[in-house]
Amino acid sequence: QVLLVESGGGTVQPGGSLRLSCAASGIIFSLYTAHWYRQPPGKQRELVARIGSGGSTIYADSVKGRFTISRDNAKNTVSLQMNSLKPQDTAVYYCNLLIGGKNYWGQGTQVTVSS
């Protein structure tokens, strides 16, 4: 059974930083591309960043230069370092794996950027 558990959300002032982590179990994590999505209040879920099994990365234009996705295959974790946070980054953040055409999601972690 695939299980994804996010941690690290919270409330931060504009310009601040947070680091999100997602721990995966039940799979050979190193084989799969991992994603971070977010869902702002009243909006659709959107892709924030992804990291391939070989470490290649892509980012949404809105977070380029501010967010960094990384993975530790030995620990079965994927992380999202978020710097220079803006109020528009406020959302529930989800990690995701696509395995055999099926999406697996964590429970989500709330990030609120507010003064």
C-alpha atoms as a PDB file:
ATOM      1  CA  GLN A   1       0.000   0.000   0.000  1.00  0.00           C
ATOM      2  CA  VAL A   2       1.406   3.377  -1.054  1.00  0.00           C
ATOM      3  CA  LEU A   3       1.372   5.970   1.709  1.00  0.00           C
ATOM      4  CA  LEU A   4       2.486   9.596   1.460  1.00  0.00           C
ATOM      5  CA  VAL A   5       2.707  11.811   4.544  1.00  0.00           C
ATOM      6  CA  GLU A   6       3.507  15.526   4.297  1.00  0.00           C
ATOM      7  CA  SER A   7       4.876  17.714   7.067  1.00  0.00           C
ATOM      8  CA  GLY A   8       6.325  21.173   7.547  1.00  0.00           C
ATOM      9  CA  GLY A   9       3.453  23.526   6.772  1.00  0.00           C
ATOM     10  CA  GLY A  10       2.570  26.522   8.880  1.00  0.00           C
ATOM     11  CA  THR A  11       2.114  30.277   8.935  1.00  0.00           C
ATOM     12  CA  VAL A  12       4.897  32.600   7.878  1.00  0.00           C
ATOM     13  CA  GLN A  13       5.249  36.297   7.083  1.00  0.00           C
ATOM     14  CA  PRO A  14       5.848  37.477   3.514  1.00  0.00           C
ATOM     15  CA  GLY A  15       9.483  37.018   2.604  1.00  0.00           C
ATOM     16  CA  GLY A  16       9.858  34.093   4.969  1.00  0.00           C
ATOM     17  CA  SER A  17      10.778  30.477   4.336  1.00  0.00           C
ATOM     18  CA  LEU A  18       9.326  27.044   4.964  1.00  0.00           C
ATOM     19  CA  ARG A  19      10.480  23.546   4.152  1.00  0.00           C
ATOM     20  CA  LEU A  20       7.947  20.860   3.346  1.00  0.00           C
ATOM     21  CA  SER A  21       8.740  17.166   3.462  1.00  0.00           C
ATOM     22  CA  CYS A  22       6.902  14.118   2.192  1.00  0.00           C
ATOM     23  CA  ALA A  23       7.695  10.619   3.384  1.00  0.00           C
ATOM     24  CA  ALA A  24       6.743   7.752   1.095  1.00  0.00           C
ATOM     25  CA  SER A  25       6.267   4.110   2.013  1.00  0.00           C
ATOM     26  CA  GLY A  26       5.039   0.958   0.339  1.00  0.00           C
ATOM     27  CA  ILE A  27       6.994   1.491  -2.886  1.00  0.00           C
ATOM     28  CA  ILE A  28      10.494   1.583  -4.328  1.00  0.00           C
ATOM     29  CA  PHE A  29      10.503   5.369  -4.149  1.00  0.00           C
ATOM     30  CA  SER A  30      13.648   5.869  -6.242  1.00  0.00           C
ATOM     31  CA  LEU A  31      11.907   4.572  -9.368  1.00  0.00           C
ATOM     32  CA  TYR A  32       9.281   7.298  -9.591  1.00  0.00           C
ATOM     33  CA  THR A  33       8.910  10.955 -10.433  1.00  0.00           C
ATOM     34  CA  ALA A  34       7.642  12.898  -7.431  1.00  0.00           C
ATOM     35  CA  HIS A  35       5.536  16.058  -7.537  1.00  0.00           C
ATOM     36  CA  TRP A  36       4.426  18.867  -5.293  1.00  0.00           C
ATOM     37  CA  TYR A  37       1.028  20.387  -6.060  1.00  0.00           C
ATOM     38  CA  ARG A  38      -0.871  23.126  -4.287  1.00  0.00           C
ATOM     39  CA  GLN A  39      -4.475  24.209  -4.060  1.00  0.00           C
ATOM     40  CA  PRO A  40      -5.088  27.860  -3.153  1.00  0.00           C
ATOM     41  CA  PRO A  41      -8.406  28.762  -1.518  1.00  0.00           C
ATOM     42  CA  GLY A  42     -11.229  28.607  -4.062  1.00  0.00           C
ATOM     43  CA  LYS A  43      -8.927  27.551  -6.897  1.00  0.00           C
ATOM     44  CA  GLN A  44      -7.928  24.379  -8.693  1.00  0.00           C
ATOM     45  CA  ARG A  45      -4.979  22.247  -7.723  1.00  0.00           C
ATOM     46  CA  GLU A  46      -1.831  23.197  -9.657  1.00  0.00           C
ATOM     47  CA  LEU A  47       1.590  21.692 -10.198  1.00  0.00           C
ATOM     48  CA  VAL A  48       4.343  23.469  -8.280  1.00  0.00           C
ATOM     49  CA  ALA A  49       7.397  21.323  -9.007  1.00  0.00           C
ATOM     50  CA  ARG A  50       8.449  17.843  -9.933  1.00  0.00           C
ATOM     51  CA  ILE A  51      11.636  15.818  -9.686  1.00  0.00           C
ATOM     52  CA  GLY A  52      12.408  12.804 -11.815  1.00  0.00           C
ATOM     53  CA  SER A  53      13.943   9.562 -10.661  1.00  0.00           C
ATOM     54  CA  GLY A  54      17.274  10.833 -11.996  1.00  0.00           C
ATOM     55  CA  GLY A  55      16.951  14.181 -10.268  1.00  0.00           C
ATOM     56  CA  SER A  56      15.804  16.371 -13.150  1.00  0.00           C
ATOM     57  CA  THR A  57      13.453  19.142 -12.046  1.00  0.00           C
ATOM     58  CA  ILE A  58      10.796  21.440 -13.412  1.00  0.00           C
ATOM     59  CA  TYR A  59       9.017  24.318 -11.716  1.00  0.00           C
ATOM     60  CA  ALA A  60       5.919  26.397 -12.251  1.00  0.00           C
ATOM     61  CA  ASP A  61       6.827  29.866 -13.504  1.00  0.00           C
ATOM     62  CA  SER A  62       5.316  31.393 -10.381  1.00  0.00           C
ATOM     63  CA  VAL A  63       7.855  29.702  -8.084  1.00  0.00           C
ATOM     64  CA  LYS A  64      11.016  29.594 -10.210  1.00  0.00           C
ATOM     65  CA  GLY A  65      13.992  30.983  -8.355  1.00  0.00           C
ATOM     66  CA  ARG A  66      12.195  30.808  -5.005  1.00  0.00           C
ATOM     67  CA  PHE A  67      11.343  27.115  -4.499  1.00  0.00           C
ATOM     68  CA  THR A  68      13.651  24.101  -4.689  1.00  0.00           C
ATOM     69  CA  ILE A  69      12.505  20.500  -4.906  1.00  0.00           C
ATOM     70  CA  SER A  70      14.845  17.722  -3.803  1.00  0.00           C
ATOM     71  CA  ARG A  71      14.715  14.049  -2.986  1.00  0.00           C
ATOM     72  CA  ASP A  72      16.532  11.624  -0.698  1.00  0.00           C
ATOM     73  CA  ASN A  73      16.007   8.142  -2.058  1.00  0.00           C
ATOM     74  CA  ALA A  74      17.736   6.557   0.931  1.00  0.00           C
ATOM     75  CA  LYS A  75      15.092   8.068   3.191  1.00  0.00           C
ATOM     76  CA  ASN A  76      12.194   7.825   0.714  1.00  0.00           C
ATOM     77  CA  THR A  77      11.498  11.534   1.018  1.00  0.00           C
ATOM     78  CA  VAL A  78      10.858  14.459  -1.285  1.00  0.00           C
ATOM     79  CA  SER A  79      11.188  18.009   0.018  1.00  0.00           C
ATOM     80  CA  LEU A  80      10.204  21.475  -1.091  1.00  0.00           C
ATOM     81  CA  GLN A  81      12.278  24.401   0.169  1.00  0.00           C
ATOM     82  CA  MET A  82      10.215  27.569  -0.177  1.00  0.00           C
ATOM     83  CA  ASN A  83      11.940  30.943   0.123  1.00  0.00           C
ATOM     84  CA  SER A  84      10.765  34.515  -0.402  1.00  0.00           C
ATOM     85  CA  LEU A  85       7.212  33.430   0.249  1.00  0.00           C
ATOM     86  CA  LYS A  86       4.362  35.611  -0.964  1.00  0.00           C
ATOM     87  CA  PRO A  87       0.729  35.819   0.138  1.00  0.00           C
ATOM     88  CA  GLN A  88      -0.253  34.198  -3.175  1.00  0.00           C
ATOM     89  CA  ASP A  89       1.696  31.090  -2.130  1.00  0.00           C
ATOM     90  CA  THR A  90      -0.992  30.439   0.490  1.00  0.00           C
ATOM     91  CA  ALA A  91      -2.458  27.011  -0.254  1.00  0.00           C
ATOM     92  CA  VAL A  92      -2.716  23.412   0.826  1.00  0.00           C
ATOM     93  CA  TYR A  93       0.374  21.651  -0.508  1.00  0.00           C
ATOM     94  CA  TYR A  94       0.249  18.004  -1.579  1.00  0.00           C
ATOM     95  CA  CYS A  95       2.922  15.564  -2.624  1.00  0.00           C
ATOM     96  CA  ASN A  96       2.073  13.175  -5.415  1.00  0.00           C
ATOM     97  CA  LEU A  97       3.358  10.083  -7.148  1.00  0.00           C
ATOM     98  CA  LEU A  98       2.003   8.744 -10.436  1.00  0.00           C
ATOM     99  CA  ILE A  99       2.437   4.986 -10.469  1.00  0.00           C
ATOM    100  CA  GLY A 100       1.060   2.805 -13.230  1.00  0.00           C
ATOM    101  CA  GLY A 101      -1.377   5.505 -14.302  1.00  0.00           C
ATOM    102  CA  LYS A 102      -2.741   5.971 -10.783  1.00  0.00           C
ATOM    103  CA  ASN A 103      -2.250   9.100  -8.732  1.00  0.00           C
ATOM    104  CA  TYR A 104      -1.288   8.795  -5.089  1.00  0.00           C
ATOM    105  CA  TRP A 105      -1.694  11.823  -2.837  1.00  0.00           C
ATOM    106  CA  GLY A 106      -0.719  12.765   0.649  1.00  0.00           C
ATOM    107  CA  GLN A 107      -3.195  14.338   3.056  1.00  0.00           C
ATOM    108  CA  GLY A 108      -1.897  17.837   2.373  1.00  0.00           C
ATOM    109  CA  THR A 109      -0.262  20.458   4.565  1.00  0.00           C
ATOM    110  CA  GLN A 110      -1.453  24.048   4.950  1.00  0.00           C
ATOM    111  CA  VAL A 111       0.890  26.907   4.117  1.00  0.00           C
ATOM    112  CA  THR A 112      -0.307  30.390   5.013  1.00  0.00           C
ATOM    113  CA  VAL A 113       1.695  33.501   4.111  1.00  0.00           C
ATOM    114  CA  SER A 114       0.357  36.512   5.947  1.00  0.00           C
ATOM    115  CA  SER A 115       1.525  39.539   7.853  1.00  0.00           C
END
